Amino acid sequence: MKRILLLFLLFSSAIYSQNINMQTASIVRATGTFYDSGGAGGDYSPSESYTLTICPATAGQYVQLDFTAWNVEGEPYDFMTIYNGVGT
């Protein structure tokens, strides 16, 4: 029984530790932490322009984003647009 519990705990921690850095890509995730291109400890660079598509891990489900921090200079310099649908 201990082996099953340990395996479950290892699998659970792997699921919840996925980081997503801003990039041009299409990714499938169940959970994760979203960062700018600088990652958890860095800043993003000037003149970046990315399109990141986040798809749910299970077809027919939805993606939910919960922002814990937000700090950008604002238009026309820094901004982020979020689309709800299959395209921009």
N, C-alpha and C. Protein backbone atom coordinates (compact mmCIF):
# COMPACT_ATOMS: atom_id res chain seq x y z
N MET A 1 0.82 -1.19 0.00
CA MET A 1 0.00 0.00 0.00
C MET A 1 0.86 1.25 0.00
N LYS A 2 1.99 1.22 0.67
CA LYS A 2 2.87 2.38 0.72
C LYS A 2 3.42 2.72 -0.65
N ARG A 3 3.70 1.72 -1.44
CA ARG A 3 4.23 1.96 -2.79
C ARG A 3 3.20 2.68 -3.66
N ILE A 4 1.96 2.30 -3.55
CA ILE A 4 0.91 2.94 -4.34
C ILE A 4 0.74 4.39 -3.93
N LEU A 5 0.74 4.65 -2.64
CA LEU A 5 0.59 6.00 -2.14
C LEU A 5 1.77 6.87 -2.57
N LEU A 6 2.98 6.35 -2.47
CA LEU A 6 4.17 7.09 -2.87
C LEU A 6 4.12 7.39 -4.38
N LEU A 7 3.74 6.43 -5.17
CA LEU A 7 3.63 6.64 -6.62
C LEU A 7 2.59 7.72 -6.91
N PHE A 8 1.46 7.70 -6.22
CA PHE A 8 0.43 8.71 -6.41
C PHE A 8 0.95 10.09 -6.03
N LEU A 9 1.68 10.21 -4.94
CA LEU A 9 2.21 11.50 -4.52
C LEU A 9 3.24 12.03 -5.50
N LEU A 10 4.08 11.18 -6.03
CA LEU A 10 5.06 11.60 -7.02
C LEU A 10 4.37 12.06 -8.30
N PHE A 11 3.37 11.33 -8.73
CA PHE A 11 2.63 11.69 -9.93
C PHE A 11 1.89 13.02 -9.73
N SER A 12 1.31 13.22 -8.57
CA SER A 12 0.57 14.45 -8.28
C SER A 12 1.48 15.66 -8.30
N SER A 13 2.66 15.54 -7.71
CA SER A 13 3.55 16.69 -7.68
C SER A 13 4.08 17.02 -9.07
N ALA A 14 4.23 16.03 -9.93
CA ALA A 14 4.68 16.28 -11.30
C ALA A 14 3.61 17.03 -12.08
N ILE A 15 2.36 16.73 -11.85
CA ILE A 15 1.28 17.40 -12.56
C ILE A 15 1.22 18.88 -12.20
N TYR A 16 1.39 19.20 -10.94
CA TYR A 16 1.20 20.56 -10.49
C TYR A 16 2.45 21.43 -10.58
N SER A 17 3.54 20.91 -11.08
CA SER A 17 4.76 21.69 -11.11
C SER A 17 5.15 22.13 -12.53
N GLN A 18 4.21 22.15 -13.45
CA GLN A 18 4.51 22.52 -14.82
C GLN A 18 4.51 24.04 -14.97
N ASN A 19 5.63 24.57 -15.43
CA ASN A 19 5.73 26.00 -15.71
C ASN A 19 5.59 26.23 -17.20
N ILE A 20 4.95 27.34 -17.55
CA ILE A 20 4.75 27.71 -18.94
C ILE A 20 5.33 29.10 -19.13
N ASN A 21 6.38 29.22 -19.92
CA ASN A 21 6.94 30.53 -20.25
C ASN A 21 6.33 31.00 -21.56
N MET A 22 6.10 32.32 -21.66
CA MET A 22 5.52 32.90 -22.87
C MET A 22 6.40 32.58 -24.06
N GLN A 23 5.78 32.12 -25.15
CA GLN A 23 6.48 31.73 -26.36
C GLN A 23 5.44 31.60 -27.47
N THR A 24 5.86 31.51 -28.70
CA THR A 24 4.93 31.23 -29.78
C THR A 24 4.83 29.72 -29.89
N ALA A 25 3.68 29.19 -29.48
CA ALA A 25 3.49 27.75 -29.45
C ALA A 25 2.02 27.44 -29.19
N SER A 26 1.68 26.18 -29.31
CA SER A 26 0.39 25.65 -28.90
C SER A 26 0.68 24.52 -27.93
N ILE A 27 0.17 24.64 -26.72
CA ILE A 27 0.49 23.64 -25.69
C ILE A 27 -0.79 23.08 -25.09
N VAL A 28 -0.69 21.88 -24.54
CA VAL A 28 -1.79 21.22 -23.85
C VAL A 28 -1.34 21.03 -22.41
N ARG A 29 -2.14 21.56 -21.48
CA ARG A 29 -1.78 21.46 -20.06
C ARG A 29 -3.03 21.24 -19.22
N ALA A 30 -2.88 20.48 -18.16
CA ALA A 30 -3.95 20.32 -17.18
C ALA A 30 -3.81 21.40 -16.10
N THR A 31 -2.59 21.68 -15.69
CA THR A 31 -2.31 22.72 -14.70
C THR A 31 -0.94 23.31 -14.99
N GLY A 32 -0.64 24.41 -14.37
CA GLY A 32 0.68 24.99 -14.54
C GLY A 32 0.71 26.43 -14.08
N THR A 33 1.89 26.99 -14.08
CA THR A 33 2.11 28.39 -13.72
C THR A 33 2.63 29.09 -14.96
N PHE A 34 1.97 30.18 -15.34
CA PHE A 34 2.30 30.92 -16.56
C PHE A 34 3.19 32.11 -16.21
N TYR A 35 4.31 32.24 -16.92
CA TYR A 35 5.25 33.34 -16.72
C TYR A 35 5.50 34.05 -18.04
N ASP A 36 6.03 35.27 -17.96
CA ASP A 36 6.50 35.91 -19.18
C ASP A 36 7.73 35.15 -19.67
N SER A 37 8.33 35.59 -20.76
CA SER A 37 9.44 34.83 -21.36
C SER A 37 10.68 34.78 -20.47
N GLY A 38 10.76 35.63 -19.47
CA GLY A 38 11.90 35.62 -18.55
C GLY A 38 11.81 34.54 -17.50
N GLY A 39 10.66 33.87 -17.40
CA GLY A 39 10.49 32.81 -16.43
C GLY A 39 10.22 33.36 -15.04
N ALA A 40 10.34 32.51 -14.04
CA ALA A 40 10.01 32.89 -12.67
C ALA A 40 10.94 33.95 -12.11
N GLY A 41 12.18 33.99 -12.55
CA GLY A 41 13.15 34.89 -11.95
C GLY A 41 13.66 36.00 -12.86
N GLY A 42 13.11 36.12 -14.06
CA GLY A 42 13.65 37.10 -14.99
C GLY A 42 12.59 38.00 -15.59
N ASP A 43 13.03 38.97 -16.35
CA ASP A 43 12.13 39.89 -17.03
C ASP A 43 12.01 39.50 -18.49
N TYR A 44 10.96 39.95 -19.13
CA TYR A 44 10.84 39.78 -20.57
C TYR A 44 11.67 40.85 -21.26
N SER A 45 11.97 40.64 -22.54
CA SER A 45 12.82 41.54 -23.31
C SER A 45 11.98 42.55 -24.09
N PRO A 46 12.58 43.66 -24.49
CA PRO A 46 11.86 44.64 -25.31
C PRO A 46 11.46 44.06 -26.67
N SER A 47 10.38 44.54 -27.22
CA SER A 47 9.91 44.22 -28.57
C SER A 47 9.54 42.75 -28.77
N GLU A 48 9.12 42.05 -27.73
CA GLU A 48 8.67 40.68 -27.89
C GLU A 48 7.25 40.65 -28.43
N SER A 49 6.96 39.66 -29.25
CA SER A 49 5.62 39.48 -29.79
C SER A 49 5.37 37.99 -29.95
N TYR A 50 4.52 37.42 -29.11
CA TYR A 50 4.26 35.99 -29.10
C TYR A 50 2.77 35.72 -29.22
N THR A 51 2.44 34.56 -29.75
CA THR A 51 1.08 34.04 -29.72
C THR A 51 1.13 32.66 -29.11
N LEU A 52 0.56 32.50 -27.92
CA LEU A 52 0.56 31.23 -27.21
C LEU A 52 -0.87 30.73 -27.12
N THR A 53 -1.09 29.52 -27.58
CA THR A 53 -2.40 28.88 -27.49
C THR A 53 -2.33 27.81 -26.42
N ILE A 54 -3.20 27.90 -25.43
CA ILE A 54 -3.26 26.91 -24.35
C ILE A 54 -4.53 26.11 -24.53
N CYS A 55 -4.38 24.80 -24.72
CA CYS A 55 -5.51 23.90 -24.93
C CYS A 55 -5.71 23.04 -23.69
N PRO A 56 -6.96 22.69 -23.36
CA PRO A 56 -7.20 21.83 -22.20
C PRO A 56 -6.65 20.43 -22.44
N ALA A 57 -6.30 19.76 -21.37
CA ALA A 57 -5.75 18.40 -21.46
C ALA A 57 -6.80 17.39 -21.90
N THR A 58 -8.07 17.70 -21.65
CA THR A 58 -9.17 16.81 -22.03
C THR A 58 -10.05 17.52 -23.06
N ALA A 59 -10.25 16.89 -24.20
CA ALA A 59 -11.08 17.49 -25.25
C ALA A 59 -12.47 17.80 -24.72
N GLY A 60 -13.01 18.95 -25.12
CA GLY A 60 -14.33 19.34 -24.67
C GLY A 60 -14.34 20.12 -23.36
N GLN A 61 -13.20 20.21 -22.71
CA GLN A 61 -13.10 20.96 -21.46
C GLN A 61 -12.68 22.40 -21.76
N TYR A 62 -12.47 23.20 -20.74
CA TYR A 62 -12.11 24.60 -20.88
C TYR A 62 -10.79 24.90 -20.18
N VAL A 63 -10.18 26.01 -20.54
CA VAL A 63 -8.97 26.50 -19.88
C VAL A 63 -9.38 27.64 -18.96
N GLN A 64 -8.88 27.61 -17.74
CA GLN A 64 -9.14 28.69 -16.78
C GLN A 64 -7.81 29.30 -16.38
N LEU A 65 -7.72 30.63 -16.46
CA LEU A 65 -6.52 31.35 -16.04
C LEU A 65 -6.84 32.15 -14.79
N ASP A 66 -6.04 31.98 -13.75
CA ASP A 66 -6.17 32.76 -12.52
C ASP A 66 -4.91 33.59 -12.36
N PHE A 67 -5.02 34.91 -12.44
CA PHE A 67 -3.86 35.78 -12.32
C PHE A 67 -3.60 36.11 -10.85
N THR A 68 -2.37 35.87 -10.41
CA THR A 68 -1.98 36.21 -9.05
C THR A 68 -1.18 37.50 -9.00
N ALA A 69 -0.63 37.91 -10.13
CA ALA A 69 0.11 39.17 -10.23
C ALA A 69 0.05 39.65 -11.67
N TRP A 70 0.04 40.98 -11.83
CA TRP A 70 -0.03 41.56 -13.18
C TRP A 70 0.62 42.93 -13.12
N ASN A 71 1.62 43.16 -13.98
CA ASN A 71 2.28 44.45 -13.99
C ASN A 71 2.90 44.67 -15.37
N VAL A 72 2.27 45.51 -16.17
CA VAL A 72 2.82 45.89 -17.47
C VAL A 72 2.71 47.40 -17.62
N GLU A 73 3.50 47.94 -18.53
CA GLU A 73 3.54 49.38 -18.75
C GLU A 73 2.25 49.89 -19.39
N GLY A 74 1.62 49.09 -20.21
CA GLY A 74 0.37 49.48 -20.85
C GLY A 74 0.57 49.90 -22.29
N GLU A 75 -0.55 49.96 -23.03
CA GLU A 75 -0.49 50.34 -24.44
C GLU A 75 0.03 51.75 -24.59
N PRO A 76 0.75 52.07 -25.59
CA PRO A 76 1.07 51.25 -26.75
C PRO A 76 2.31 50.39 -26.56
N TYR A 77 2.85 50.32 -25.36
CA TYR A 77 4.12 49.62 -25.16
C TYR A 77 3.93 48.15 -24.78
N ASP A 78 3.30 47.87 -23.68
CA ASP A 78 3.15 46.50 -23.20
C ASP A 78 1.66 46.19 -23.02
N PHE A 79 1.24 45.05 -23.55
CA PHE A 79 -0.14 44.61 -23.35
C PHE A 79 -0.25 43.13 -23.65
N MET A 80 -1.33 42.53 -23.18
CA MET A 80 -1.62 41.15 -23.47
C MET A 80 -3.09 41.06 -23.83
N THR A 81 -3.39 40.37 -24.90
CA THR A 81 -4.76 40.17 -25.33
C THR A 81 -5.10 38.69 -25.17
N ILE A 82 -6.24 38.42 -24.56
CA ILE A 82 -6.69 37.04 -24.37
C ILE A 82 -7.94 36.84 -25.20
N TYR A 83 -7.92 35.82 -26.06
CA TYR A 83 -9.06 35.48 -26.90
C TYR A 83 -9.72 34.24 -26.36
N ASN A 84 -11.02 34.19 -26.41
CA ASN A 84 -11.78 33.04 -25.96
C ASN A 84 -12.40 32.39 -27.18
N GLY A 85 -11.72 31.42 -27.75
CA GLY A 85 -12.24 30.76 -28.94
C GLY A 85 -11.17 29.96 -29.64
N VAL A 86 -11.47 29.59 -30.85
CA VAL A 86 -10.56 28.73 -31.61
C VAL A 86 -9.53 29.51 -32.41
N GLY A 87 -9.60 30.83 -32.43
CA GLY A 87 -8.63 31.62 -33.17
C GLY A 87 -8.61 33.06 -32.72
N THR A 88 -7.66 33.82 -33.23
CA THR A 88 -7.57 35.23 -32.87
C THR A 88 -8.43 36.08 -33.77
